Amino acid sequence: MPRTPSEYSVHLLLEGGHREEIRFATLQDFQQWYKSLVPKQDSSEFVNVPIKNIQGEYMVIRPSSILGIRVEPLFSSSIERYEE
């Protein structure tokens, strides 16, 4: 029986070598955010990046500054390992 990820860690590789990690509860949440990002990929206008695990903080980025995206499924066993 295949395991189901607890959440998804999305790593953004930004212009200038900066990296940012955001998390989504489901793959569908990420896909919905990504679909809103694609039409604006060459834009230098800011778009919101959801940071659901941190209350009171938010991030905005320019879609044109995103060079790469890596999506990593996280399983409860791997999350527990990192929290120790």
C-alpha atoms as a PDB file:
ATOM      1  CA  MET A   1       0.000   0.000   0.000  1.00  0.00           C
ATOM      2  CA  PRO A   2       1.547   3.368  -1.012  1.00  0.00           C
ATOM      3  CA  ARG A   3       2.249   5.921   1.678  1.00  0.00           C
ATOM      4  CA  THR A   4       0.470   9.266   1.592  1.00  0.00           C
ATOM      5  CA  PRO A   5       2.553  12.407   2.181  1.00  0.00           C
ATOM      6  CA  SER A   6       1.688  14.508   5.231  1.00  0.00           C
ATOM      7  CA  GLU A   7       2.535  17.695   3.361  1.00  0.00           C
ATOM      8  CA  TYR A   8       4.633  18.999   0.483  1.00  0.00           C
ATOM      9  CA  SER A   9       7.758  21.108   0.803  1.00  0.00           C
ATOM     10  CA  VAL A  10       8.267  23.430  -2.156  1.00  0.00           C
ATOM     11  CA  HIS A  11      11.768  24.794  -2.668  1.00  0.00           C
ATOM     12  CA  LEU A  12      12.027  27.958  -4.763  1.00  0.00           C
ATOM     13  CA  LEU A  13      15.367  28.749  -6.395  1.00  0.00           C
ATOM     14  CA  LEU A  14      15.440  32.498  -6.903  1.00  0.00           C
ATOM     15  CA  GLU A  15      17.604  34.845  -8.923  1.00  0.00           C
ATOM     16  CA  GLY A  16      20.844  35.700  -7.159  1.00  0.00           C
ATOM     17  CA  GLY A  17      21.137  32.220  -5.640  1.00  0.00           C
ATOM     18  CA  HIS A  18      18.553  32.737  -2.905  1.00  0.00           C
ATOM     19  CA  ARG A  19      16.438  29.785  -1.838  1.00  0.00           C
ATOM     20  CA  GLU A  20      13.113  29.738  -0.061  1.00  0.00           C
ATOM     21  CA  GLU A  21      11.045  26.856   1.278  1.00  0.00           C
ATOM     22  CA  ILE A  22       7.280  26.943   1.570  1.00  0.00           C
ATOM     23  CA  ARG A  23       4.896  24.156   2.492  1.00  0.00           C
ATOM     24  CA  PHE A  24       1.523  23.063   1.213  1.00  0.00           C
ATOM     25  CA  ALA A  25      -0.864  20.648   2.910  1.00  0.00           C
ATOM     26  CA  THR A  26      -1.786  18.922  -0.357  1.00  0.00           C
ATOM     27  CA  LEU A  27      -0.424  18.646  -3.861  1.00  0.00           C
ATOM     28  CA  GLN A  28      -3.661  20.201  -5.125  1.00  0.00           C
ATOM     29  CA  ASP A  29      -3.000  23.321  -2.994  1.00  0.00           C
ATOM     30  CA  PHE A  30       0.425  23.665  -4.618  1.00  0.00           C
ATOM     31  CA  GLN A  31      -0.975  23.074  -8.105  1.00  0.00           C
ATOM     32  CA  GLN A  32      -3.641  25.736  -7.583  1.00  0.00           C
ATOM     33  CA  TRP A  33      -1.008  28.279  -6.452  1.00  0.00           C
ATOM     34  CA  TYR A  34       1.293  27.288  -9.316  1.00  0.00           C
ATOM     35  CA  LYS A  35      -1.491  27.695 -11.911  1.00  0.00           C
ATOM     36  CA  SER A  36      -1.999  31.274 -10.736  1.00  0.00           C
ATOM     37  CA  LEU A  37       1.767  31.879 -11.038  1.00  0.00           C
ATOM     38  CA  VAL A  38       2.302  30.521 -14.581  1.00  0.00           C
ATOM     39  CA  PRO A  39       0.422  33.258 -16.509  1.00  0.00           C
ATOM     40  CA  LYS A  40       2.551  35.855 -14.700  1.00  0.00           C
ATOM     41  CA  GLN A  41       5.899  34.080 -15.180  1.00  0.00           C
ATOM     42  CA  ASP A  42       7.547  36.998 -17.002  1.00  0.00           C
ATOM     43  CA  SER A  43       6.000  39.624 -14.768  1.00  0.00           C
ATOM     44  CA  SER A  44       7.961  41.795 -12.376  1.00  0.00           C
ATOM     45  CA  GLU A  45       4.832  42.519 -10.305  1.00  0.00           C
ATOM     46  CA  PHE A  46       4.751  40.970  -6.840  1.00  0.00           C
ATOM     47  CA  VAL A  47       2.615  37.874  -6.177  1.00  0.00           C
ATOM     48  CA  ASN A  48       1.766  36.389  -2.795  1.00  0.00           C
ATOM     49  CA  VAL A  49       3.468  33.234  -1.605  1.00  0.00           C
ATOM     50  CA  PRO A  50       1.408  31.343   0.965  1.00  0.00           C
ATOM     51  CA  ILE A  51       3.208  30.652   4.220  1.00  0.00           C
ATOM     52  CA  LYS A  52       0.645  28.571   6.084  1.00  0.00           C
ATOM     53  CA  ASN A  53       2.902  27.293   8.865  1.00  0.00           C
ATOM     54  CA  ILE A  54       3.930  30.729  10.123  1.00  0.00           C
ATOM     55  CA  GLN A  55       1.263  32.985  11.609  1.00  0.00           C
ATOM     56  CA  GLY A  56       1.541  36.698  10.943  1.00  0.00           C
ATOM     57  CA  GLU A  57       4.184  36.436   8.220  1.00  0.00           C
ATOM     58  CA  TYR A  58       3.854  36.554   4.470  1.00  0.00           C
ATOM     59  CA  MET A  59       6.125  36.717   1.484  1.00  0.00           C
ATOM     60  CA  VAL A  60       5.776  38.272  -1.946  1.00  0.00           C
ATOM     61  CA  ILE A  61       8.011  37.525  -4.912  1.00  0.00           C
ATOM     62  CA  ARG A  62       8.367  38.529  -8.518  1.00  0.00           C
ATOM     63  CA  PRO A  63       7.503  35.532 -10.732  1.00  0.00           C
ATOM     64  CA  SER A  64      10.263  36.512 -13.156  1.00  0.00           C
ATOM     65  CA  SER A  65      12.843  35.936 -10.397  1.00  0.00           C
ATOM     66  CA  ILE A  66      11.931  32.248  -9.925  1.00  0.00           C
ATOM     67  CA  LEU A  67      14.520  30.114 -11.704  1.00  0.00           C
ATOM     68  CA  GLY A  68      13.448  26.700 -10.433  1.00  0.00           C
ATOM     69  CA  ILE A  69      10.915  24.891  -8.256  1.00  0.00           C
ATOM     70  CA  ARG A  70      11.379  21.556  -6.514  1.00  0.00           C
ATOM     71  CA  VAL A  71       8.434  19.790  -4.889  1.00  0.00           C
ATOM     72  CA  GLU A  72       9.275  17.276  -2.169  1.00  0.00           C
ATOM     73  CA  PRO A  73       6.644  15.080  -0.520  1.00  0.00           C
ATOM     74  CA  LEU A  74       7.086  14.878   3.249  1.00  0.00           C
ATOM     75  CA  PHE A  75       5.871  11.932   5.245  1.00  0.00           C
ATOM     76  CA  SER A  76       5.136  12.085   8.968  1.00  0.00           C
ATOM     77  CA  SER A  77       8.122   9.869   9.674  1.00  0.00           C
ATOM     78  CA  SER A  78      10.468  12.291   7.831  1.00  0.00           C
ATOM     79  CA  ILE A  79       8.940  15.345   9.564  1.00  0.00           C
ATOM     80  CA  GLU A  80       9.427  13.746  12.982  1.00  0.00           C
ATOM     81  CA  ARG A  81      13.048  12.991  12.096  1.00  0.00           C
ATOM     82  CA  TYR A  82      13.788  16.666  11.356  1.00  0.00           C
ATOM     83  CA  GLU A  83      12.082  17.954  14.498  1.00  0.00           C
ATOM     84  CA  GLU A  84      14.242  15.981  16.907  1.00  0.00           C
END
